[in-house]
Amino acid sequence: MQFVVIAYDYKKGGLKRRLKIRSKHIGLGDKMKAEGNYLMGAAILDKQNKMIGSIMILEYPSRKELDTWLKVEPYVTDKVWEKIEIRPCKIGPSFTNS
């Protein structure tokens, strides 16, 4: 099952914490990509091109497995993301080999 994760950083201190632990977040993302769970990701930028959030498309067997990832995601555990929206989604055939 595919999910889109849209997460916005804390306005106060979020960017500072994001930059401090970004390598941990990217390292986990690389591991998830190798395992087939991380399909796409991007930073959300403000008008000054500063990172203020993230968008990820993930694939997990169920929401339960996605929630297990959230418990160890550095941007969650280190309080970078303040607001997280998760929705089931389906990547269109133009973007897959199917």
C-alpha atoms as a PDB file:
ATOM      1  CA  MET A   1       0.000   0.000   0.000  1.00  0.00           C
ATOM      2  CA  GLN A   2       1.337   3.423  -0.910  1.00  0.00           C
ATOM      3  CA  PHE A   3       1.122   6.479   1.320  1.00  0.00           C
ATOM      4  CA  VAL A   4       1.873  10.159   0.865  1.00  0.00           C
ATOM      5  CA  VAL A   5       3.336  11.823   3.951  1.00  0.00           C
ATOM      6  CA  ILE A   6       3.143  15.613   4.112  1.00  0.00           C
ATOM      7  CA  ALA A   7       4.938  17.001   7.133  1.00  0.00           C
ATOM      8  CA  TYR A   8       5.522  20.595   8.209  1.00  0.00           C
ATOM      9  CA  ASP A   9       8.343  21.638  10.493  1.00  0.00           C
ATOM     10  CA  TYR A  10       7.961  23.431  13.792  1.00  0.00           C
ATOM     11  CA  LYS A  11       8.049  27.151  13.056  1.00  0.00           C
ATOM     12  CA  LYS A  12      10.220  27.763  16.100  1.00  0.00           C
ATOM     13  CA  GLY A  13      13.541  25.924  15.872  1.00  0.00           C
ATOM     14  CA  GLY A  14      12.440  23.397  13.248  1.00  0.00           C
ATOM     15  CA  LEU A  15      14.961  24.391  10.592  1.00  0.00           C
ATOM     16  CA  LYS A  16      17.847  24.395  13.071  1.00  0.00           C
ATOM     17  CA  ARG A  17      16.921  20.900  14.303  1.00  0.00           C
ATOM     18  CA  ARG A  18      16.345  19.723  10.694  1.00  0.00           C
ATOM     19  CA  LEU A  19      19.825  20.774   9.612  1.00  0.00           C
ATOM     20  CA  LYS A  20      21.417  19.277  12.738  1.00  0.00           C
ATOM     21  CA  ILE A  21      19.985  15.783  12.186  1.00  0.00           C
ATOM     22  CA  ARG A  22      19.449  15.780   8.419  1.00  0.00           C
ATOM     23  CA  SER A  23      22.136  13.133   7.857  1.00  0.00           C
ATOM     24  CA  LYS A  24      20.282  10.729  10.200  1.00  0.00           C
ATOM     25  CA  HIS A  25      17.047  11.312   8.278  1.00  0.00           C
ATOM     26  CA  ILE A  26      18.758  10.786   4.910  1.00  0.00           C
ATOM     27  CA  GLY A  27      20.568   7.684   6.183  1.00  0.00           C
ATOM     28  CA  LEU A  28      17.286   6.105   7.255  1.00  0.00           C
ATOM     29  CA  GLY A  29      15.755   7.139   3.917  1.00  0.00           C
ATOM     30  CA  ASP A  30      18.588   5.423   2.033  1.00  0.00           C
ATOM     31  CA  LYS A  31      17.962   2.236   4.034  1.00  0.00           C
ATOM     32  CA  MET A  32      14.201   2.456   3.377  1.00  0.00           C
ATOM     33  CA  LYS A  33      14.835   3.000  -0.343  1.00  0.00           C
ATOM     34  CA  ALA A  34      17.083  -0.068  -0.504  1.00  0.00           C
ATOM     35  CA  GLU A  35      14.318  -2.078   1.196  1.00  0.00           C
ATOM     36  CA  GLY A  36      11.692  -0.794  -1.271  1.00  0.00           C
ATOM     37  CA  ASN A  37       9.722   1.340   1.203  1.00  0.00           C
ATOM     38  CA  TYR A  38      10.845   4.827   0.137  1.00  0.00           C
ATOM     39  CA  LEU A  39       9.658   5.684  -3.360  1.00  0.00           C
ATOM     40  CA  MET A  40      10.077   9.473  -3.569  1.00  0.00           C
ATOM     41  CA  GLY A  41      10.757  12.429  -1.344  1.00  0.00           C
ATOM     42  CA  ALA A  42      11.244  16.175  -1.461  1.00  0.00           C
ATOM     43  CA  ALA A  43      11.679  19.103   0.880  1.00  0.00           C
ATOM     44  CA  ILE A  44       8.913  21.710   0.974  1.00  0.00           C
ATOM     45  CA  LEU A  45      10.376  25.204   0.550  1.00  0.00           C
ATOM     46  CA  ASP A  46       9.140  28.622   1.593  1.00  0.00           C
ATOM     47  CA  LYS A  47       9.354  31.792  -0.534  1.00  0.00           C
ATOM     48  CA  GLN A  48      13.006  32.224   0.469  1.00  0.00           C
ATOM     49  CA  ASN A  49      13.783  28.612  -0.580  1.00  0.00           C
ATOM     50  CA  LYS A  50      14.298  27.515   3.046  1.00  0.00           C
ATOM     51  CA  MET A  51      13.150  24.031   3.996  1.00  0.00           C
ATOM     52  CA  ILE A  52       9.912  24.081   5.991  1.00  0.00           C
ATOM     53  CA  GLY A  53       8.678  20.516   5.593  1.00  0.00           C
ATOM     54  CA  SER A  54       8.790  17.260   3.682  1.00  0.00           C
ATOM     55  CA  ILE A  55       6.767  15.220   1.227  1.00  0.00           C
ATOM     56  CA  MET A  56       7.409  11.497   0.960  1.00  0.00           C
ATOM     57  CA  ILE A  57       5.759   8.700  -0.961  1.00  0.00           C
ATOM     58  CA  LEU A  58       6.237   5.429   0.883  1.00  0.00           C
ATOM     59  CA  GLU A  59       5.184   1.847   0.333  1.00  0.00           C
ATOM     60  CA  TYR A  60       4.391  -0.436   3.267  1.00  0.00           C
ATOM     61  CA  PRO A  61       2.136  -3.488   3.576  1.00  0.00           C
ATOM     62  CA  SER A  62      -0.178  -1.517   5.893  1.00  0.00           C
ATOM     63  CA  ARG A  63      -0.536   1.650   7.939  1.00  0.00           C
ATOM     64  CA  LYS A  64       0.738  -0.318  10.945  1.00  0.00           C
ATOM     65  CA  GLU A  65       4.178  -0.765   9.337  1.00  0.00           C
ATOM     66  CA  LEU A  66       4.258   2.900   8.352  1.00  0.00           C
ATOM     67  CA  ASP A  67       3.494   3.843  11.960  1.00  0.00           C
ATOM     68  CA  THR A  68       6.413   1.636  13.068  1.00  0.00           C
ATOM     69  CA  TRP A  69       8.692   3.721  10.805  1.00  0.00           C
ATOM     70  CA  LEU A  70       7.325   6.961  12.293  1.00  0.00           C
ATOM     71  CA  LYS A  71       8.435   5.827  15.765  1.00  0.00           C
ATOM     72  CA  VAL A  72      12.092   5.845  14.624  1.00  0.00           C
ATOM     73  CA  GLU A  73      12.058   8.631  12.007  1.00  0.00           C
ATOM     74  CA  PRO A  74      14.586  11.258  13.215  1.00  0.00           C
ATOM     75  CA  TYR A  75      12.408  14.167  12.086  1.00  0.00           C
ATOM     76  CA  VAL A  76       9.709  12.855  14.422  1.00  0.00           C
ATOM     77  CA  THR A  77      11.865  11.751  17.355  1.00  0.00           C
ATOM     78  CA  ASP A  78      13.949  14.947  17.284  1.00  0.00           C
ATOM     79  CA  LYS A  79      10.919  17.234  16.885  1.00  0.00           C
ATOM     80  CA  VAL A  80      11.503  18.628  13.400  1.00  0.00           C
ATOM     81  CA  TRP A  81       8.010  17.825  12.104  1.00  0.00           C
ATOM     82  CA  GLU A  82       5.163  19.483  13.984  1.00  0.00           C
ATOM     83  CA  LYS A  83       2.239  18.573  11.734  1.00  0.00           C
ATOM     84  CA  ILE A  84       2.065  15.307   9.779  1.00  0.00           C
ATOM     85  CA  GLU A  85      -0.664  14.325   7.335  1.00  0.00           C
ATOM     86  CA  ILE A  86      -0.699  10.764   5.993  1.00  0.00           C
ATOM     87  CA  ARG A  87      -2.991   9.625   3.208  1.00  0.00           C
ATOM     88  CA  PRO A  88      -3.187   6.420   1.189  1.00  0.00           C
ATOM     89  CA  CYS A  89      -2.249   7.045  -2.429  1.00  0.00           C
ATOM     90  CA  LYS A  90      -1.511   5.241  -5.680  1.00  0.00           C
ATOM     91  CA  ILE A  91       1.313   6.250  -7.980  1.00  0.00           C
ATOM     92  CA  GLY A  92       0.003   6.600 -11.528  1.00  0.00           C
ATOM     93  CA  PRO A  93       1.097   4.269 -14.339  1.00  0.00           C
ATOM     94  CA  SER A  94       3.022   7.070 -16.091  1.00  0.00           C
ATOM     95  CA  PHE A  95       5.487   6.960 -13.184  1.00  0.00           C
ATOM     96  CA  THR A  96       5.838   3.204 -12.796  1.00  0.00           C
ATOM     97  CA  ASN A  97       6.884   0.309 -14.971  1.00  0.00           C
ATOM     98  CA  SER A  98       3.387  -1.203 -14.666  1.00  0.00           C
END
